[in-house]
Protein backbone atom coordinates (compact mmCIF):
# COMPACT_ATOMS: atom_id res chain seq x y z
CA UNK A 1 122.30 134.74 160.19
CA UNK A 2 124.15 136.54 162.96
CA UNK A 3 124.97 135.57 166.56
CA UNK A 4 122.88 138.40 168.03
CA UNK A 5 119.72 137.20 166.28
CA UNK A 6 120.36 133.63 167.37
CA UNK A 7 120.94 134.64 171.00
CA UNK A 8 117.84 136.84 171.01
CA UNK A 9 115.59 133.93 170.11
CA UNK A 10 117.52 131.14 171.82
CA UNK A 11 115.43 130.87 175.01
CA UNK A 12 112.39 130.14 172.87
CA UNK A 13 113.84 128.02 170.10
CA UNK A 14 115.95 125.89 172.47
CA UNK A 15 112.76 124.13 173.63
CA UNK A 16 112.40 122.65 170.13
CA UNK A 17 113.55 119.01 169.87
CA UNK A 18 117.18 118.80 168.73
CA UNK A 19 117.41 122.59 168.45
CA UNK A 20 121.20 122.82 168.65
CA UNK A 21 121.95 119.89 166.32
CA UNK A 22 119.51 121.37 163.82
CA UNK A 23 121.23 124.74 164.05
CA UNK A 24 124.57 123.06 163.38
CA UNK A 25 123.17 121.30 160.31
CA UNK A 26 121.61 124.55 159.13
CA UNK A 27 124.94 126.38 159.40
CA UNK A 28 126.65 123.71 157.29
CA UNK A 29 123.80 123.77 154.79
CA UNK A 30 124.18 127.52 154.33
CA UNK A 31 127.94 127.11 154.02
CA UNK A 32 127.84 124.72 151.07
CA UNK A 33 125.16 126.79 149.33
CA UNK A 34 127.34 129.91 149.42
CA UNK A 35 124.93 131.74 151.73
CA UNK A 36 127.03 131.98 154.88
CA UNK A 37 129.86 134.34 153.91
CA UNK A 38 130.02 137.32 151.58
CA UNK A 39 131.15 136.78 148.01
CA UNK A 40 133.76 139.10 146.63
CA UNK A 41 134.03 139.57 142.83
CA UNK A 42 137.71 140.39 143.33
CA UNK A 43 138.39 136.80 144.51
CA UNK A 44 140.36 134.60 142.17
CA UNK A 45 137.70 132.34 140.59
CA UNK A 46 137.55 128.65 141.43
CA UNK A 47 138.46 127.84 137.83
CA UNK A 48 142.02 128.90 138.71
CA UNK A 49 142.04 126.23 141.46
CA UNK A 50 141.08 123.64 138.87
CA UNK A 51 143.93 124.82 136.67
CA UNK A 52 146.38 124.41 139.56
CA UNK A 53 145.03 120.91 140.21
CA UNK A 54 145.41 120.04 136.54
CA UNK A 55 149.00 121.33 136.59
CA UNK A 56 149.75 119.25 139.68
CA UNK A 57 148.36 116.16 137.99
CA UNK A 58 150.57 116.77 134.96
CA UNK A 59 153.62 117.16 137.18
CA UNK A 60 152.87 113.89 138.99
CA UNK A 61 152.40 112.02 135.70
CA UNK A 62 155.66 113.41 134.45
CA UNK A 63 157.51 112.23 137.58
CA UNK A 64 155.71 108.85 137.41
CA UNK A 65 154.08 109.46 140.79
CA UNK A 66 150.73 109.26 139.00
CA UNK A 67 150.18 106.60 136.36
CA UNK A 68 147.58 108.33 134.23
CA UNK A 69 144.95 111.04 134.17
CA UNK A 70 141.48 109.64 134.78
CA UNK A 71 138.51 111.17 133.00
CA UNK A 72 135.11 111.78 134.62
CA UNK A 73 131.65 112.57 133.33
CA UNK A 74 130.63 116.20 133.93
CA UNK A 75 128.35 116.84 136.91
CA UNK A 76 124.75 117.18 135.75
CA UNK A 77 122.46 119.98 136.90
CA UNK A 78 120.09 117.69 138.83
CA UNK A 79 122.94 116.46 141.04
CA UNK A 80 123.17 119.83 142.83
CA UNK A 81 119.70 120.89 144.11
CA UNK A 82 120.36 124.65 144.01
CA UNK A 83 121.93 127.27 141.80
CA UNK A 84 125.72 127.21 142.01
CA UNK A 85 127.05 130.63 143.10
CA UNK A 86 128.94 132.78 140.65
CA UNK A 87 132.64 131.97 140.54
CA UNK A 88 132.17 128.46 141.94
CA UNK A 89 132.95 125.19 140.14
CA UNK A 90 131.75 121.63 140.66
CA UNK A 91 133.86 118.51 140.04
CA UNK A 92 133.77 114.82 140.90
CA UNK A 93 135.50 113.77 144.09
CA UNK A 94 137.70 111.36 142.15
CA UNK A 95 138.96 114.25 139.97
CA UNK A 96 140.02 116.19 143.09
CA UNK A 97 141.65 113.28 144.95
CA UNK A 98 145.15 111.99 144.44
CA UNK A 99 144.29 109.02 146.67
CA UNK A 100 140.82 107.65 147.32
CA UNK A 101 140.67 104.24 148.93
CA UNK A 102 139.48 102.16 151.87
CA UNK A 103 141.86 100.95 154.54
CA UNK A 104 142.39 97.35 155.51
CA UNK A 105 142.31 95.25 158.64
CA UNK A 106 145.52 93.31 159.33
CA UNK A 107 145.50 89.55 159.02
CA UNK A 108 144.43 88.13 162.37
CA UNK A 109 142.18 91.05 163.25
CA UNK A 110 141.98 91.92 166.95
CA UNK A 111 144.41 89.14 167.79
CA UNK A 112 147.31 91.25 166.46
CA UNK A 113 146.38 94.40 168.40
CA UNK A 114 148.83 95.37 171.11
CA UNK A 115 149.20 97.96 173.86
CA UNK A 116 152.09 99.77 172.15
CA UNK A 117 152.78 100.40 168.49
CA UNK A 118 151.44 102.29 165.49
CA UNK A 119 147.80 103.51 165.70
CA UNK A 120 145.25 101.65 163.59
CA UNK A 121 142.40 104.11 163.12
CA UNK A 122 138.94 102.52 163.15
CA UNK A 123 135.50 104.06 162.65
CA UNK A 124 135.13 104.84 166.39
CA UNK A 125 138.21 107.07 166.14
CA UNK A 126 136.82 109.19 163.29
CA UNK A 127 134.53 112.08 164.30
CA UNK A 128 133.47 115.25 162.54
CA UNK A 129 135.41 117.40 165.01
CA UNK A 130 138.62 115.40 164.62
CA UNK A 131 140.30 112.13 165.55
CA UNK A 132 139.66 110.67 169.00
CA UNK A 133 142.53 108.45 170.03
CA UNK A 134 141.52 107.44 173.56
CA UNK A 135 140.34 104.04 172.28
CA UNK A 136 142.77 103.52 169.42
CA UNK A 137 144.00 100.06 168.47
CA UNK A 138 147.72 99.58 167.88
CA UNK A 139 149.69 97.28 165.61
CA UNK A 140 153.35 96.40 165.34
CA UNK A 141 155.63 98.47 163.12
CA UNK A 142 156.28 95.46 160.87
CA UNK A 143 152.54 95.05 160.19
CA UNK A 144 152.25 98.82 159.64
CA UNK A 145 155.02 98.73 157.04
CA UNK A 146 153.39 95.81 155.21
CA UNK A 147 150.18 97.91 154.99
CA UNK A 148 151.99 100.75 153.18
CA UNK A 149 149.03 101.45 150.89
CA UNK A 150 146.84 102.63 153.77
CA UNK A 151 149.24 104.89 155.67
CA UNK A 152 147.67 108.11 156.92
CA UNK A 153 149.22 111.51 156.23
CA UNK A 154 148.56 114.76 158.05
CA UNK A 155 146.78 116.39 155.06
CA UNK A 156 144.30 113.51 154.68
CA UNK A 157 140.54 113.48 155.20
CA UNK A 158 139.19 110.27 156.75
CA UNK A 159 135.61 109.15 156.06
CA UNK A 160 133.71 106.30 157.71
CA UNK A 161 132.23 104.15 154.96
CA UNK A 162 130.39 101.37 156.86
CA UNK A 163 128.25 100.83 159.92
CA UNK A 164 126.15 103.13 162.09
CA UNK A 165 128.75 105.92 161.92
CA UNK A 166 128.86 106.02 158.13
CA UNK A 167 129.47 109.56 156.89
CA UNK A 168 131.45 110.73 159.93
CA UNK A 169 134.45 112.61 158.63
CA UNK A 170 137.68 113.87 160.22
CA UNK A 171 140.54 116.10 159.16
CA UNK A 172 143.92 114.64 160.08
CA UNK A 173 145.79 117.36 161.96
CA UNK A 174 149.35 118.46 161.27
CA UNK A 175 150.41 117.04 164.67
CA UNK A 176 149.43 113.48 163.72
CA UNK A 177 152.64 111.46 163.32
CA UNK A 178 151.71 108.16 161.69
CA UNK A 179 148.99 105.54 161.50
CA UNK A 180 146.92 103.21 159.41
CA UNK A 181 143.16 102.86 158.78
CA UNK A 182 140.90 99.83 158.96
CA UNK A 183 138.68 98.64 156.15
CA UNK A 184 135.76 100.67 157.56
CA UNK A 185 137.51 103.99 156.90
CA UNK A 186 138.42 105.65 153.58
CA UNK A 187 141.39 107.95 152.96
CA UNK A 188 140.74 111.05 150.84
CA UNK A 189 144.03 112.73 149.85
CA UNK A 190 143.55 115.79 147.64
CA UNK A 191 145.79 117.07 144.87
CA UNK A 192 145.43 120.51 146.40
CA UNK A 193 145.57 120.36 150.23
CA UNK A 194 144.50 124.02 150.47
CA UNK A 195 140.88 123.07 149.78
CA UNK A 196 140.66 120.21 152.28
CA UNK A 197 138.94 122.21 155.03
CA UNK A 198 136.07 123.17 152.74
CA UNK A 199 135.83 119.61 151.37
CA UNK A 200 135.64 118.29 154.94
CA UNK A 201 132.97 120.85 155.79
CA UNK A 202 131.03 119.83 152.67
CA UNK A 203 131.14 116.12 153.50
CA UNK A 204 129.65 116.79 156.96
CA UNK A 205 126.85 119.00 155.59
CA UNK A 206 123.24 117.79 155.21
CA UNK A 207 123.56 117.94 151.42
CA UNK A 208 126.40 115.42 151.25
CA UNK A 209 125.20 113.32 154.17
CA UNK A 210 122.03 112.78 152.14
CA UNK A 211 124.15 111.80 149.13
CA UNK A 212 125.93 109.26 151.35
CA UNK A 213 122.58 107.92 152.60
CA UNK A 214 121.25 107.63 149.07
CA UNK A 215 124.17 105.62 147.70
CA UNK A 216 124.70 103.14 150.53
CA UNK A 217 125.10 99.53 149.47
CA UNK A 218 124.94 96.28 151.37
CA UNK A 219 121.95 94.39 152.75
CA UNK A 220 123.02 93.57 156.30
CA UNK A 221 125.36 96.50 156.84
CA UNK A 222 125.47 100.03 155.50
CA UNK A 223 128.38 100.63 153.19
CA UNK A 224 129.75 103.24 150.77
CA UNK A 225 131.78 101.94 147.86
CA UNK A 226 134.87 103.76 146.61
CA UNK A 227 133.40 103.93 143.11
CA UNK A 228 130.37 105.78 144.48
CA UNK A 229 132.60 108.10 146.47
CA UNK A 230 134.68 108.89 143.39
CA UNK A 231 131.53 110.16 141.64
CA UNK A 232 130.43 112.55 144.41
CA UNK A 233 129.81 116.05 142.96
CA UNK A 234 131.94 118.44 145.03
CA UNK A 235 131.41 122.20 145.04
CA UNK A 236 134.56 124.34 144.78
CA UNK A 237 134.30 128.04 145.76
CA UNK A 238 137.16 130.51 145.19
CA UNK A 239 139.92 129.79 147.72
CA UNK A 240 139.52 133.14 149.53
CA UNK A 241 135.79 132.51 149.89
CA UNK A 242 136.46 129.01 151.18
CA UNK A 243 138.59 130.50 153.90
CA UNK A 244 135.85 133.01 154.84
CA UNK A 245 133.25 130.24 154.90
CA UNK A 246 135.39 128.00 157.12
CA UNK A 247 136.09 130.90 159.50
CA UNK A 248 132.36 131.75 159.70
CA UNK A 249 131.44 128.12 160.34
CA UNK A 250 134.02 127.96 163.13
CA UNK A 251 132.56 131.13 164.66
CA UNK A 252 128.98 129.89 164.56
CA UNK A 253 129.87 126.39 165.76
CA UNK A 254 131.63 127.96 168.73
CA UNK A 255 128.44 129.90 169.38
CA UNK A 256 126.46 126.65 169.23
CA UNK A 257 128.90 125.17 171.75
CA UNK A 258 128.15 128.06 174.12
CA UNK A 259 124.41 127.76 173.56
CA UNK A 260 124.58 124.02 174.16
CA UNK A 261 126.50 124.53 177.40
CA UNK A 262 124.01 127.20 178.53
CA UNK A 263 121.09 124.92 177.66
CA UNK A 264 122.63 122.00 179.57
CA UNK A 265 123.25 124.18 182.62
CA UNK A 266 119.72 125.55 182.53
CA UNK A 267 118.23 122.05 182.30
CA UNK A 268 120.53 120.88 185.07
CA UNK A 269 119.32 123.69 187.34
CA UNK A 270 115.70 122.87 186.54
CA UNK A 271 116.28 119.18 187.24
CA UNK A 272 117.95 119.94 190.57
CA UNK A 273 115.18 122.31 191.63
CA UNK A 274 112.43 119.89 190.59
CA UNK A 275 114.19 116.98 192.33
CA UNK A 276 114.71 118.98 195.53
CA UNK A 277 111.08 120.14 195.59
CA UNK A 278 109.73 116.65 194.94
CA UNK A 279 112.05 115.22 197.58
CA UNK A 280 110.66 117.66 200.17
CA UNK A 281 107.13 116.65 199.23
CA UNK A 282 107.91 112.93 199.37
CA UNK A 283 109.57 113.28 202.79
CA UNK A 284 107.40 115.99 204.36
CA UNK A 285 108.23 117.72 207.62
CA UNK A 286 106.42 116.83 210.83
CA UNK A 287 105.32 120.47 210.88
CA UNK A 288 102.06 120.51 208.82
CA UNK A 289 102.28 124.26 208.13
CA UNK A 290 105.82 123.91 206.76
CA UNK A 291 104.72 121.06 204.52
CA UNK A 292 101.78 123.07 203.21
CA UNK A 293 104.18 125.93 202.35
CA UNK A 294 106.43 123.53 200.45
CA UNK A 295 103.48 122.01 198.59
CA UNK A 296 102.09 125.46 197.77
CA UNK A 297 105.50 126.55 196.39
CA UNK A 298 105.80 123.51 194.16
CA UNK A 299 102.30 123.55 192.72
CA UNK A 300 102.46 127.33 192.22
CA UNK A 301 105.65 126.97 190.17
CA UNK A 302 104.65 123.78 188.32
CA UNK A 303 104.80 125.22 184.79
CA UNK A 304 108.38 126.43 185.31
CA UNK A 305 109.60 123.33 187.14
CA UNK A 306 108.11 120.68 184.87
CA UNK A 307 109.97 121.10 181.60
CA UNK A 308 110.14 117.46 180.56
CA UNK A 309 107.95 114.38 180.53
CA UNK A 310 110.25 112.89 183.15
CA UNK A 311 109.44 115.74 185.54
CA UNK A 312 105.71 115.16 185.04
CA UNK A 313 106.06 111.41 185.60
CA UNK A 314 107.94 112.13 188.84
CA UNK A 315 105.16 114.52 189.85
CA UNK A 316 102.50 111.87 189.22
CA UNK A 317 104.38 109.43 191.45
CA UNK A 318 104.70 112.10 194.14
CA UNK A 319 100.96 112.81 194.04
CA UNK A 320 100.23 109.10 194.49
CA UNK A 321 102.73 108.87 197.31
CA UNK A 322 101.27 111.86 199.16
CA UNK A 323 97.73 110.55 198.62
CA UNK A 324 98.30 107.18 200.28
CA UNK A 325 100.51 108.62 203.04
CA UNK A 326 97.73 110.91 204.27
CA UNK A 327 99.66 114.04 203.27
CA UNK A 328 97.58 115.20 200.33
CA UNK A 329 94.44 116.23 202.23
CA UNK A 330 93.93 117.42 205.82
CA UNK A 331 92.33 114.91 208.19
CA UNK A 332 88.85 115.58 209.56
CA UNK A 333 88.27 114.85 213.24
CA UNK A 334 84.65 113.99 212.48
CA UNK A 335 85.59 111.07 210.21
CA UNK A 336 84.96 107.56 211.47
CA UNK A 337 88.26 105.70 212.05
CA UNK A 338 89.28 103.12 209.45
CA UNK A 339 89.22 100.47 212.22
CA UNK A 340 85.43 100.73 212.39
CA UNK A 341 85.21 100.34 208.62
CA UNK A 342 87.32 97.19 208.82
CA UNK A 343 85.03 95.68 211.44
CA UNK A 344 82.04 95.99 209.13
CA UNK A 345 83.98 94.49 206.23
CA UNK A 346 85.11 91.62 208.46
CA UNK A 347 81.49 90.82 209.29
CA UNK A 348 80.68 90.88 205.57
CA UNK A 349 83.57 88.52 204.82
CA UNK A 350 82.49 86.08 207.54
CA UNK A 351 79.09 85.75 205.87
CA UNK A 352 80.74 85.19 202.50
CA UNK A 353 83.01 82.48 203.97
CA UNK A 354 79.97 80.72 205.40
CA UNK A 355 78.34 80.90 201.97
CA UNK A 356 81.56 79.53 200.45
CA UNK A 357 81.86 82.56 198.20
CA UNK A 358 85.13 83.64 199.83
CA UNK A 359 87.97 81.37 200.89
CA UNK A 360 89.14 81.42 204.50
CA UNK A 361 92.91 81.90 204.71
CA UNK A 362 95.12 81.30 207.70
CA UNK A 363 97.64 83.42 209.53
CA UNK A 364 100.34 82.83 206.93
CA UNK A 365 98.79 85.74 205.05
CA UNK A 366 99.47 88.24 207.81
CA UNK A 367 101.40 91.36 206.77
CA UNK A 368 105.04 91.59 207.78
CA UNK A 369 106.22 94.56 209.86
CA UNK A 370 109.02 95.33 207.38
CA UNK A 371 106.46 95.72 204.60
CA UNK A 372 104.86 98.73 206.33
CA UNK A 373 106.96 101.56 204.86
CA UNK A 374 105.71 104.62 206.79
CA UNK A 375 103.65 105.85 209.75
CA UNK A 376 99.98 106.62 209.09
CA UNK A 377 97.73 109.41 210.42
CA UNK A 378 95.83 108.65 213.61
CA UNK A 379 92.54 107.45 212.09
CA UNK A 380 94.17 105.40 209.36
CA UNK A 381 95.16 101.74 209.65
CA UNK A 382 97.48 99.41 207.82
CA UNK A 383 95.61 96.40 206.55
CA UNK A 384 96.10 93.76 203.88
CA UNK A 385 94.30 93.48 200.57
CA UNK A 386 92.92 90.22 201.92
CA UNK A 387 90.92 92.08 204.58
CA UNK A 388 88.90 94.21 202.12
CA UNK A 389 88.02 91.79 199.28
CA UNK A 390 84.81 89.87 198.75
CA UNK A 391 86.04 87.72 195.87
CA UNK A 392 89.33 86.25 194.70
CA UNK A 393 92.11 86.20 193.93
CA UNK A 394 91.40 84.17 190.82
CA UNK A 395 93.83 83.59 187.96
CA UNK A 396 92.53 84.05 184.43
CA UNK A 397 92.60 81.62 181.52
CA UNK A 398 94.65 81.40 178.33
CA UNK A 399 92.67 79.70 175.56
CA UNK A 400 94.02 79.35 172.03
CA UNK A 401 93.78 82.32 169.64
CA UNK A 402 90.90 82.35 167.17
CA UNK A 403 90.40 83.89 163.74
CA UNK A 404 86.60 83.81 164.04
CA UNK A 405 85.26 87.39 164.03
CA UNK A 406 82.60 86.55 166.63
CA UNK A 407 84.96 84.65 168.95
CA UNK A 408 85.21 85.81 172.60
CA UNK A 409 87.64 88.61 173.39
CA UNK A 410 90.44 88.16 175.93
CA UNK A 411 92.42 91.19 177.03
CA UNK A 412 96.20 91.15 176.81
CA UNK A 413 98.72 92.36 179.39
CA UNK A 414 99.03 95.62 177.50
CA UNK A 415 95.41 96.41 178.40
CA UNK A 416 96.43 97.13 182.01
CA UNK A 417 100.16 97.87 181.87
CA UNK A 418 99.61 101.64 182.11
CA UNK A 419 97.60 101.21 185.34
CA UNK A 420 94.45 102.26 183.45
CA UNK A 421 92.24 99.71 181.71
CA UNK A 422 92.49 100.03 177.91
CA UNK A 423 89.77 98.06 176.07
CA UNK A 424 91.57 98.28 172.73
CA UNK A 425 94.15 95.64 173.66
CA UNK A 426 92.61 92.20 173.25
CA UNK A 427 92.73 89.10 171.10
CA UNK A 428 89.96 86.74 170.05
CA UNK A 429 90.14 83.24 171.49
CA UNK A 430 88.58 79.80 171.19
CA UNK A 431 86.62 79.47 174.43
CA UNK A 432 83.19 78.29 175.50
CA UNK A 433 82.72 80.10 178.81
CA UNK A 434 79.48 80.12 180.76
CA UNK A 435 77.86 83.58 180.93
CA UNK A 436 77.93 83.51 184.73
CA UNK A 437 81.63 82.51 184.89
CA UNK A 438 83.98 84.72 186.88
CA UNK A 439 86.41 84.52 183.96
CA UNK A 440 84.29 87.27 182.42
CA UNK A 441 85.07 90.78 183.60
CA UNK A 442 82.40 92.86 185.20
CA UNK A 443 82.37 96.41 186.50
CA UNK A 444 84.36 96.79 189.71
CA UNK A 445 86.84 93.99 189.04
CA UNK A 446 90.39 94.89 190.11
CA UNK A 447 93.08 93.20 187.99
CA UNK A 448 96.71 92.60 188.95
CA UNK A 449 99.39 91.36 186.54
CA UNK A 450 100.87 88.29 188.17
CA UNK A 451 103.63 88.02 185.57
CA UNK A 452 105.58 90.66 183.66
CA UNK A 453 108.94 92.40 183.83
CA UNK A 454 109.97 93.59 187.29
CA UNK A 455 109.00 97.09 186.27
CA UNK A 456 105.38 96.07 185.70
CA UNK A 457 104.72 92.88 187.66
CA UNK A 458 101.79 93.45 190.03
CA UNK A 459 100.56 96.56 188.20
CA UNK A 460 96.84 97.06 188.79
CA UNK A 461 93.88 98.42 186.82
CA UNK A 462 90.13 98.24 187.37
CA UNK A 463 87.35 97.45 184.91
CA UNK A 464 84.16 99.53 184.67
CA UNK A 465 82.70 98.35 181.37
CA UNK A 466 79.77 96.14 180.44
CA UNK A 467 79.75 92.55 181.74
CA UNK A 468 80.75 89.58 179.58
CA UNK A 469 82.63 91.66 177.02
CA UNK A 470 86.11 90.46 177.97
CA UNK A 471 87.85 87.44 179.43
CA UNK A 472 91.13 87.99 181.25
CA UNK A 473 94.36 85.99 180.81
CA UNK A 474 96.17 83.57 183.09
CA UNK A 475 98.93 86.13 183.71
CA UNK A 476 96.42 88.28 185.59
CA UNK A 477 94.64 87.82 188.93
CA UNK A 478 91.23 89.28 189.69
CA UNK A 479 89.79 90.43 193.00
CA UNK A 480 86.59 92.23 193.91
CA UNK A 481 86.50 94.66 196.78
CA UNK A 482 83.86 95.22 199.41
CA UNK A 483 81.57 98.06 198.39
CA UNK A 484 82.30 99.57 201.79
CA UNK A 485 85.66 100.83 200.46
CA UNK A 486 86.41 103.04 197.48
CA UNK A 487 87.64 101.03 194.51
CA UNK A 488 89.34 104.15 193.17
CA UNK A 489 91.18 104.72 196.43
CA UNK A 490 92.36 101.12 196.77
CA UNK A 491 93.55 101.23 193.18
CA UNK A 492 95.64 104.31 194.03
CA UNK A 493 97.16 102.35 196.93
CA UNK A 494 97.91 99.44 194.58
CA UNK A 495 99.80 101.56 192.02
CA UNK A 496 101.52 103.96 194.47
CA UNK A 497 105.33 103.79 194.89
CA UNK A 498 105.16 101.72 198.13
CA UNK A 499 103.05 99.02 196.45
CA UNK A 500 105.29 98.99 193.39
CA UNK A 501 108.30 98.48 195.67
CA UNK A 502 106.45 95.66 197.45
CA UNK A 503 105.73 93.75 194.23
CA UNK A 504 109.24 94.40 192.93
CA UNK A 505 110.66 92.88 196.13
CA UNK A 506 108.46 89.78 196.27
CA UNK A 507 108.29 88.88 192.59
CA UNK A 508 110.07 85.58 192.00
CA UNK A 509 111.84 84.21 188.97
CA UNK A 510 115.28 84.45 187.39
CA UNK A 511 116.24 87.68 185.71
CA UNK A 512 116.12 86.06 182.27
CA UNK A 513 112.50 84.91 182.76
CA UNK A 514 109.24 86.67 183.57
CA UNK A 515 109.07 87.42 187.33
CA UNK A 516 105.75 86.49 188.95
CA UNK A 517 103.78 87.08 192.12
CA UNK A 518 101.49 84.47 193.64
CA UNK A 519 98.11 84.82 195.28
CA UNK A 520 99.59 84.85 198.78
CA UNK A 521 101.85 87.78 197.88
CA UNK A 522 98.87 89.64 196.44
CA UNK A 523 96.69 89.05 199.50
CA UNK A 524 99.43 90.33 201.82
CA UNK A 525 99.72 93.61 199.88
CA UNK A 526 99.72 96.35 202.56
CA UNK A 527 96.90 98.87 202.12
CA UNK A 528 97.07 102.21 204.02
CA UNK A 529 93.35 102.38 204.74
CA UNK A 530 91.90 105.79 205.52
CA UNK A 531 88.37 106.66 206.74
CA UNK A 532 85.86 106.20 203.92
CA UNK A 533 85.05 109.93 203.79
CA UNK A 534 88.72 110.75 203.40
CA UNK A 535 89.08 108.10 200.68
CA UNK A 536 86.58 110.02 198.56
CA UNK A 537 88.29 113.35 199.24
CA UNK A 538 91.68 111.89 198.31
CA UNK A 539 90.36 110.43 195.04
CA UNK A 540 88.82 113.78 194.10
CA UNK A 541 92.06 115.63 194.85
CA UNK A 542 94.16 113.12 192.91
CA UNK A 543 91.80 113.51 189.93
CA UNK A 544 92.26 117.28 190.14
CA UNK A 545 96.06 117.06 190.29
CA UNK A 546 96.33 114.39 187.60
CA UNK A 547 94.23 116.61 185.35
CA UNK A 548 96.77 119.35 186.05
CA UNK A 549 99.55 116.93 185.02
CA UNK A 550 97.64 116.17 181.81
CA UNK A 551 97.41 119.91 181.16
CA UNK A 552 101.13 120.33 181.80
CA UNK A 553 101.95 117.54 179.35
CA UNK A 554 99.76 119.23 176.74
CA UNK A 555 101.42 122.60 177.44
CA UNK A 556 104.84 120.97 177.16
CA UNK A 557 103.95 119.48 173.79
CA UNK A 558 102.50 122.81 172.66
CA UNK A 559 105.59 124.69 173.83
CA UNK A 560 107.83 122.34 171.89
CA UNK A 561 105.64 122.69 168.80
CA UNK A 562 105.73 126.48 169.08
CA UNK A 563 109.50 126.38 169.61
CA UNK A 564 109.84 124.17 166.55
CA UNK A 565 107.82 126.66 164.49
CA UNK A 566 109.85 129.59 165.80
CA UNK A 567 113.08 127.76 164.98
CA UNK A 568 111.80 127.14 161.46
CA UNK A 569 110.87 130.84 161.16
CA UNK A 570 114.28 132.01 162.38
CA UNK A 571 116.08 129.66 160.00
CA UNK A 572 113.82 130.66 157.12
CA UNK A 573 114.44 134.34 157.86
CA UNK A 574 118.17 133.66 157.97
CA UNK A 575 118.00 132.09 154.52
CA UNK A 576 116.12 135.10 153.15
CA UNK A 577 118.66 137.49 154.68
CA UNK A 578 121.55 135.64 153.09
CA UNK A 579 119.88 135.08 149.71
């Protein structure tokens, strides 16, 4: 694999999930397989390195610095899942290491940490690219001296052996002065420091990270025992080849750094452009022609601007916002004003109040001026949800669950949390409900969640299915609208950003509990009512644009799949080229 090939394909493969991290893992995988750098038959074979290690061991035994020579079982063929390159050797980690042991935490733990003193390296300080000392704990020199068995030296390799960061591995640089390690970090000190860079590279590779994953112990917390670590099969190339491999890895990792920076900058530019365009649409100019130009620009460039699910979600919110602000469709001077529509609904409601089908509510349910978030077009009118309903609000019921297969079905909150009714989310309950009860859903019912998290409280969805299939729970309220308004349009008003802000503001309850809205809050919900003809035009346009959003989401998923396949092809080709 060469940098030119990687750069040539980068714009395409970078759309794949985790493209850069996968490239980094691939580079390390090639490195430990002997496929990253050229092999030279003139190199001194790795067997000579083993001889030097054996000589060093003998010297240390002779000087009593090493008590005895430990024997290890040979590495079996199945432990290395590929053919070992010519001139390479494989030995157990314990055979290569002069010191292999976990650190320790001083008696008293955090209580003995201090602002000045000797560094105590913990797992958060150990990273694959080196030690990070910005959050290092410190202990007194006297404690450090008592922990003499876990002192760190500048030729050491440190490996995290517990917790979420297990397997992270750092080389201790030559500039490191002194320190100790906690019990969550192991010290690997090699007989032959010359090979430590390749050993470090190997430990961070996918091959050895999988070995670490496979040998973890501990039920409640991941952990790697020293005995397991001692038995790790470590590949040893000729020293000259090790140096070429390390240099090539450094070169390609630097390239990945540049690609990552370029990717981040590109995504940042896209995010800024998408945010600026959406902001212009959400706060349109008073000049209609200027606004139309801005809208035309955005929708024309949608495929390039929407490169993430977050962009598409922002676009959906913008479409809803424009729809209920009267900015999505041009007004028609021939439309009857919304005020005339409201008069007819008021007459309908008066008859229903007389028939005791609809409750009569007093002036305490009038909308507040501060709840009207924007100015409406001339033929529109702010009104409350109360002024356009013919039934409700009515809370649902919460009977006990049932295991009977023919028991009635009651929807759960999840059935409406998306803003679209989902009939697959229900539970069966013990209930004997009259067939004509309003606790049964029927087509046209508009449901609001009266209790949920602040993100979802008040979310609305409408039901269009068969009658008497579902009951609805106590944490929902049901209303039915006058047939003189569009249910679809009012639903858009109820899930648009202004309505979500309204419910977020008026939901009550402590943060630790489930916030709720009451019936009065629901009835006061401000509805930006447009002429009925325009309601239908708006719903049709929203359907068209939401279908476009669906298409964009599908294209985004397809693009990522194609990028994933291209990345796989590039990596596969790279393997073939280096085979």
